[in-house]
Structure formats: C-alpha cells, structure tokens
Amino acid sequence: MLLTIELHAIGGQDIVVPLQYNHMVQALIYNSLDPEFADFLHDHGYDGAGRKFKLFCFSRIMGKYQKIGNEIKFQSPVQLIVTSPVERFCQSLISGLLTKNELRLADTTVIVTGIAVDNPRVEEEMVRLKMLSPVVVYSTMLRLDKRKYTCYFQPGERDFTEKVAENLRKKYLAVYHSPAPEGEIQIRPFSQPKLHVIKYKGIIVKGYTGILEIRGPRDLLQIVVDAGLGSKNSMGFGCVEIISKGRK
C-alpha cells in the first residue's frame, strides 16, 4: 500500500528541517502509530531468515524548497510518501495521522490536510522505478587488523544486484512466511545513478537515486514496491515509484 500524506504548517509558515532530517520523519511516523504496535515494530519487527525488518519505507519530503546553510526551507504544504505491505501498519498510521490535531516535524508544528491511498500493482516481470529516496546496498567487511568497515555498492554493479536479490527474498519470507519464488533478479540503471551521502544520527550512509529497470518474479518485484529497495528502508531509504511496466 502507498500513502501520500500532505502536511501543512500551522499558520501558513514554512516547514524548516535540517539537511539531515531522515530520523525526524521516522520519528513522526512512529509517533503516529498505535504505541503498542510502534514498540513492537521498533524493538522487534518481522523476521526473515534471521533478519528483522520493519517493512515500511518513506520518501524524501516533496515540495518547493530552498537550501539555506544547514537547513532546508519548504513552502507549505509538502508531501510525504510512505509504503508498506503490512495492512496493520497502514491502518494504524492512517488512524494516528487523522486523529492527532498536531504533529512535530523538526521545530515546525504541522497538521495532516490529506491522505491519498493507492495500491500500485506489479503486473509483469519487468518494472521501471524512480527512486523517491536513495537506495542503500552495502556489505560489512573485515580489514586485515579485524576492524569492520562498510562497503557500499552502486546500481549496475554485480554485488549491488546480488545483495538486493538476497534482501528481497528475506523480506518476502518476513511478509508471507513462505520461501520466495525462484527466478533471477536483474537490475539495470536506466539513468546515471546520483550518489547521496547522508548522515543518520551521526552515522554516514551512502545511497543512490535515479531510475532503475528491474526484472524478475512478479511477486518479488511487488515486495520492492511495497517494502522498499535495498537496506535501511525504515530510515527513509529505498522508497520507489513505478513509472512504467513491461513484459520480460
């Protein structure tokens, strides 16, 4: 399910957030959920072959803006897209957003002025996707001195595709409690990927935006659309929008 949420600043003021605002949007989402469910999601999540998934994703804030120093000033209203394959999550979020009189986004008090609900379906074994927030794919490795370091992969690299395919199959298991369908995943950048270096609560994260063409089993492609592409989806990475479909 895909939710397009419109947020309006009280008093018609601008919505001002720091350049690194992912954790603030994440907090707004968690604070809008039923507290018991929010605690479950934050502390546990859904199991997929030993990995825990929150199974939701969100876009960058969308609207007219200007960067001023270390801040972004958005002209009110703005839109935010949130996706999830979990009905309980979507219903809890909708209910919380519509019943709260006010929400906090950074230092701005906002209200929800609209929620559009959509259920985009993948109908074929190829889909072209626009990244609404950077996709993050990485592996943690060991140096010779046993210190850990993170290696990030770019769309078009073999490791990027292999890691995405592995992640998708684990997400499928977490959602449906059954093994993912067999079939190869192929990913091709349809535009030059753009690197983004984001700081999330002091941790540097590298991701890419652009347009990707993905081929594979339809049910796995649906997981991409619903739960996000790559890793760290609940931190605001890997949110996608279908821009075209086609047969394999």
Protein backbone atom coordinates (compact mmCIF):
# COMPACT_ATOMS: atom_id res chain seq x y z
CA MET A 1 0.00 0.00 0.00
CA LEU A 2 1.16 3.51 -0.80
CA LEU A 3 0.12 6.52 1.27
CA THR A 4 0.64 10.07 0.01
CA ILE A 5 0.46 12.33 3.06
CA GLU A 6 0.03 16.08 2.78
CA LEU A 7 1.43 18.13 5.67
CA HIS A 8 0.63 21.78 6.23
CA ALA A 9 2.41 24.08 8.68
CA ILE A 10 0.10 25.76 11.16
CA GLY A 11 -0.20 29.46 10.48
CA GLY A 12 0.99 29.13 6.90
CA GLN A 13 4.64 29.31 7.90
CA ASP A 14 7.43 27.47 6.11
CA ILE A 15 8.46 23.98 7.17
CA VAL A 16 12.11 24.15 8.16
CA VAL A 17 14.19 21.00 8.64
CA PRO A 18 17.94 20.33 8.84
CA LEU A 19 19.69 18.91 5.79
CA GLN A 20 19.86 15.55 7.57
CA TYR A 21 16.23 15.04 8.50
CA ASN A 22 15.53 11.32 7.93
CA HIS A 23 15.34 10.48 11.63
CA MET A 24 12.84 13.30 12.18
CA VAL A 25 10.44 11.93 9.58
CA GLN A 26 10.92 8.47 11.02
CA ALA A 27 10.02 9.81 14.48
CA LEU A 28 6.86 11.45 13.10
CA ILE A 29 5.80 8.07 11.67
CA TYR A 30 6.49 6.11 14.86
CA ASN A 31 4.74 8.74 16.99
CA SER A 32 1.64 8.45 14.80
CA LEU A 33 1.32 4.67 15.24
CA ASP A 34 -0.54 2.86 17.99
CA PRO A 35 2.01 2.87 20.86
CA GLU A 36 1.95 -0.89 21.40
CA PHE A 37 2.43 -1.59 17.69
CA ALA A 38 5.11 1.10 17.44
CA ASP A 39 7.05 -0.56 20.28
CA PHE A 40 6.80 -3.96 18.57
CA LEU A 41 7.99 -2.52 15.27
CA HIS A 42 10.85 -0.54 16.80
CA ASP A 43 12.09 -3.25 19.16
CA HIS A 44 11.38 -6.42 17.16
CA GLY A 45 9.93 -6.16 13.66
CA TYR A 46 9.26 -9.07 11.32
CA ASP A 47 11.65 -12.00 10.96
CA GLY A 48 13.01 -13.02 7.58
CA ALA A 49 15.67 -15.75 7.71
CA GLY A 50 17.27 -14.28 10.81
CA ARG A 51 16.98 -10.66 9.69
CA LYS A 52 14.50 -8.27 11.29
CA PHE A 53 12.52 -5.96 9.01
CA LYS A 54 10.25 -3.05 9.90
CA LEU A 55 8.56 -3.46 6.49
CA PHE A 56 7.88 0.19 5.80
CA CYS A 57 9.63 2.83 3.77
CA PHE A 58 9.29 6.54 3.12
CA SER A 59 10.33 9.11 0.54
CA ARG A 60 12.18 12.36 0.84
CA ILE A 61 9.97 15.33 1.70
CA MET A 62 8.49 16.63 -1.56
CA GLY A 63 7.61 20.25 -2.29
CA LYS A 64 9.04 23.63 -3.22
CA TYR A 65 12.13 24.38 -1.17
CA GLN A 66 15.36 26.29 -0.85
CA LYS A 67 18.53 25.38 0.99
CA ILE A 68 19.78 27.94 3.48
CA GLY A 69 23.01 26.96 5.19
CA ASN A 70 22.45 23.68 7.02
CA GLU A 71 18.67 23.85 6.69
CA ILE A 72 16.00 23.25 4.07
CA LYS A 73 13.03 25.60 4.00
CA PHE A 74 9.94 24.03 2.40
CA GLN A 75 6.99 26.05 1.25
CA SER A 76 3.88 24.63 2.93
CA PRO A 77 2.23 22.24 2.15
CA VAL A 78 4.58 19.33 1.49
CA GLN A 79 4.00 15.71 0.62
CA LEU A 80 5.49 12.53 2.03
CA ILE A 81 5.05 9.03 0.59
CA VAL A 82 5.01 6.05 2.95
CA THR A 83 4.76 2.46 1.70
CA SER A 84 4.26 -0.89 3.43
CA PRO A 85 2.93 -4.38 2.63
CA VAL A 86 1.61 -4.66 6.22
CA GLU A 87 -2.06 -3.69 6.48
CA ARG A 88 -1.86 -3.21 10.25
CA PHE A 89 0.91 -0.65 9.79
CA CYS A 90 -1.00 1.30 7.14
CA GLN A 91 -4.26 1.33 9.09
CA SER A 92 -2.52 2.34 12.33
CA LEU A 93 -0.63 5.14 10.58
CA ILE A 94 -3.72 6.49 8.82
CA SER A 95 -5.73 6.42 12.05
CA GLY A 96 -2.98 8.13 14.05
CA LEU A 97 -2.36 10.84 11.46
CA LEU A 98 -6.04 11.67 11.14
CA THR A 99 -6.80 11.75 14.88
CA LYS A 100 -3.83 13.81 16.07
CA ASN A 101 -4.52 17.54 16.00
CA GLU A 102 -0.86 18.47 15.66
CA LEU A 103 2.42 16.79 14.74
CA ARG A 104 6.02 17.91 15.09
CA LEU A 105 8.42 17.83 12.15
CA ALA A 106 11.74 19.16 13.40
CA ASP A 107 10.80 22.51 15.01
CA THR A 108 7.66 23.04 12.93
CA THR A 109 4.14 22.19 14.07
CA VAL A 110 2.23 20.59 11.19
CA ILE A 111 -1.20 19.14 10.55
CA VAL A 112 -2.30 16.48 8.10
CA THR A 113 -4.51 18.01 5.42
CA GLY A 114 -4.94 14.91 3.28
CA ILE A 115 -4.03 11.25 2.82
CA ALA A 116 -4.35 9.57 -0.57
CA VAL A 117 -4.33 5.76 -0.52
CA ASP A 118 -3.11 3.75 -3.51
CA ASN A 119 -2.22 0.12 -4.11
CA PRO A 120 0.16 0.03 -7.10
CA ARG A 121 0.44 -3.48 -8.53
CA VAL A 122 3.28 -5.07 -10.47
CA GLU A 123 1.59 -6.92 -13.32
CA GLU A 124 4.57 -8.08 -15.38
CA GLU A 125 8.11 -9.38 -14.83
CA MET A 126 9.74 -6.05 -15.58
CA VAL A 127 9.23 -2.70 -13.96
CA ARG A 128 10.92 0.67 -14.24
CA LEU A 129 11.23 2.52 -10.96
CA LYS A 130 12.13 6.03 -9.87
CA MET A 131 13.91 6.29 -6.54
CA LEU A 132 12.00 8.64 -4.22
CA SER A 133 14.72 8.26 -1.61
CA PRO A 134 18.28 6.95 -2.07
CA VAL A 135 18.72 3.19 -2.31
CA VAL A 136 21.33 1.81 0.09
CA VAL A 137 23.08 -1.50 -0.58
CA TYR A 138 26.15 -2.47 1.42
CA SER A 139 28.21 -5.21 2.98
CA THR A 140 30.15 -5.14 6.24
CA MET A 141 33.69 -6.45 5.84
CA LEU A 142 36.79 -7.02 7.96
CA ARG A 143 40.16 -5.36 7.49
CA LEU A 144 43.35 -7.32 7.97
CA ASP A 145 43.51 -5.95 11.51
CA LYS A 146 39.97 -7.33 12.12
CA ARG A 147 38.36 -3.88 12.20
CA LYS A 148 34.99 -3.68 10.45
CA TYR A 149 34.26 -1.35 7.56
CA THR A 150 31.26 -0.81 5.30
CA CYS A 151 31.46 -1.19 1.53
CA TYR A 152 28.59 0.45 -0.40
CA PHE A 153 27.55 -0.75 -3.85
CA GLN A 154 26.27 1.22 -6.82
CA PRO A 155 23.44 0.27 -9.20
CA GLY A 156 24.98 -1.55 -12.15
CA GLU A 157 27.50 -3.46 -10.03
CA ARG A 158 27.09 -7.23 -9.68
CA ASP A 159 27.33 -7.06 -5.89
CA PHE A 160 24.51 -4.49 -5.85
CA THR A 161 22.16 -6.87 -7.68
CA GLU A 162 23.17 -9.91 -5.63
CA LYS A 163 22.65 -8.10 -2.32
CA VAL A 164 19.28 -6.72 -3.46
CA ALA A 165 18.11 -10.20 -4.53
CA GLU A 166 19.15 -11.71 -1.19
CA ASN A 167 17.43 -8.90 0.72
CA LEU A 168 14.23 -9.27 -1.32
CA ARG A 169 13.93 -12.98 -0.62
CA LYS A 170 14.30 -12.39 3.11
CA LYS A 171 11.67 -9.65 3.01
CA TYR A 172 9.31 -11.95 1.12
CA LEU A 173 9.72 -14.56 3.86
CA ALA A 174 9.07 -11.92 6.53
CA VAL A 175 5.85 -10.81 4.79
CA TYR A 176 4.39 -14.13 3.63
CA HIS A 177 6.08 -16.69 5.94
CA SER A 178 6.95 -18.86 2.95
CA PRO A 179 10.02 -19.14 0.68
CA ALA A 180 10.34 -16.58 -2.10
CA PRO A 181 9.61 -17.64 -5.68
CA GLU A 182 12.52 -18.91 -7.75
CA GLY A 183 13.91 -16.74 -10.51
CA GLU A 184 16.78 -14.42 -11.28
CA ILE A 185 16.74 -10.73 -10.37
CA GLN A 186 18.27 -8.37 -12.93
CA ILE A 187 18.80 -4.66 -12.29
CA ARG A 188 19.89 -2.12 -14.87
CA PRO A 189 20.32 1.62 -14.27
CA PHE A 190 18.14 3.48 -16.77
CA SER A 191 19.80 6.77 -15.84
CA GLN A 192 23.15 7.68 -14.33
CA PRO A 193 22.84 6.97 -10.57
CA LYS A 194 23.42 10.00 -8.37
CA LEU A 195 25.37 9.50 -5.17
CA HIS A 196 23.98 10.91 -1.91
CA VAL A 197 25.94 10.96 1.34
CA ILE A 198 23.52 11.19 4.25
CA LYS A 199 24.19 11.37 7.97
CA TYR A 200 21.67 9.40 10.03
CA LYS A 201 22.06 10.08 13.76
CA GLY A 202 25.77 10.66 13.25
CA ILE A 203 26.33 7.63 11.01
CA ILE A 204 27.37 8.20 7.39
CA VAL A 205 25.18 6.35 4.86
CA LYS A 206 25.75 6.31 1.09
CA GLY A 207 22.86 5.80 -1.34
CA TYR A 208 21.87 6.42 -4.93
CA THR A 209 18.89 7.93 -6.72
CA GLY A 210 17.92 7.61 -10.36
CA ILE A 211 15.77 5.33 -12.48
CA LEU A 212 16.24 1.56 -12.38
CA GLU A 213 14.84 -1.19 -14.57
CA ILE A 214 14.29 -4.39 -12.59
CA ARG A 215 13.38 -7.81 -13.98
CA GLY A 216 12.40 -10.89 -12.03
CA PRO A 217 9.49 -12.80 -10.49
CA ARG A 218 6.48 -10.52 -10.24
CA ASP A 219 5.87 -11.25 -6.54
CA LEU A 220 9.43 -10.21 -5.68
CA LEU A 221 9.09 -7.01 -7.68
CA GLN A 222 5.93 -6.30 -5.70
CA ILE A 223 7.98 -6.51 -2.49
CA VAL A 224 10.25 -3.78 -3.90
CA VAL A 225 7.25 -1.51 -4.49
CA ASP A 226 5.63 -2.23 -1.13
CA ALA A 227 8.56 -2.55 1.28
CA GLY A 228 11.36 -0.65 -0.45
CA LEU A 229 14.54 -1.49 -2.34
CA GLY A 230 17.79 -2.37 -0.59
CA SER A 231 18.53 -1.84 3.10
CA LYS A 232 17.62 0.67 5.84
CA ASN A 233 14.14 1.24 4.40
CA SER A 234 12.56 2.32 7.70
CA MET A 235 15.26 5.00 7.97
CA GLY A 236 13.99 6.60 4.76
CA PHE A 237 16.00 4.78 2.09
CA GLY A 238 14.88 2.85 -0.99
CA CYS A 239 11.36 4.21 -1.49
CA VAL A 240 10.30 3.73 -5.14
CA GLU A 241 7.63 4.82 -7.59
CA ILE A 242 6.54 2.80 -10.63
CA ILE A 243 6.98 4.86 -13.78
CA SER A 244 6.49 2.15 -16.42
CA LYS A 245 5.82 -1.57 -16.76
CA GLY A 246 6.56 -4.15 -19.40
CA ARG A 247 6.97 -7.83 -20.17
CA LYS A 248 10.17 -9.75 -19.59
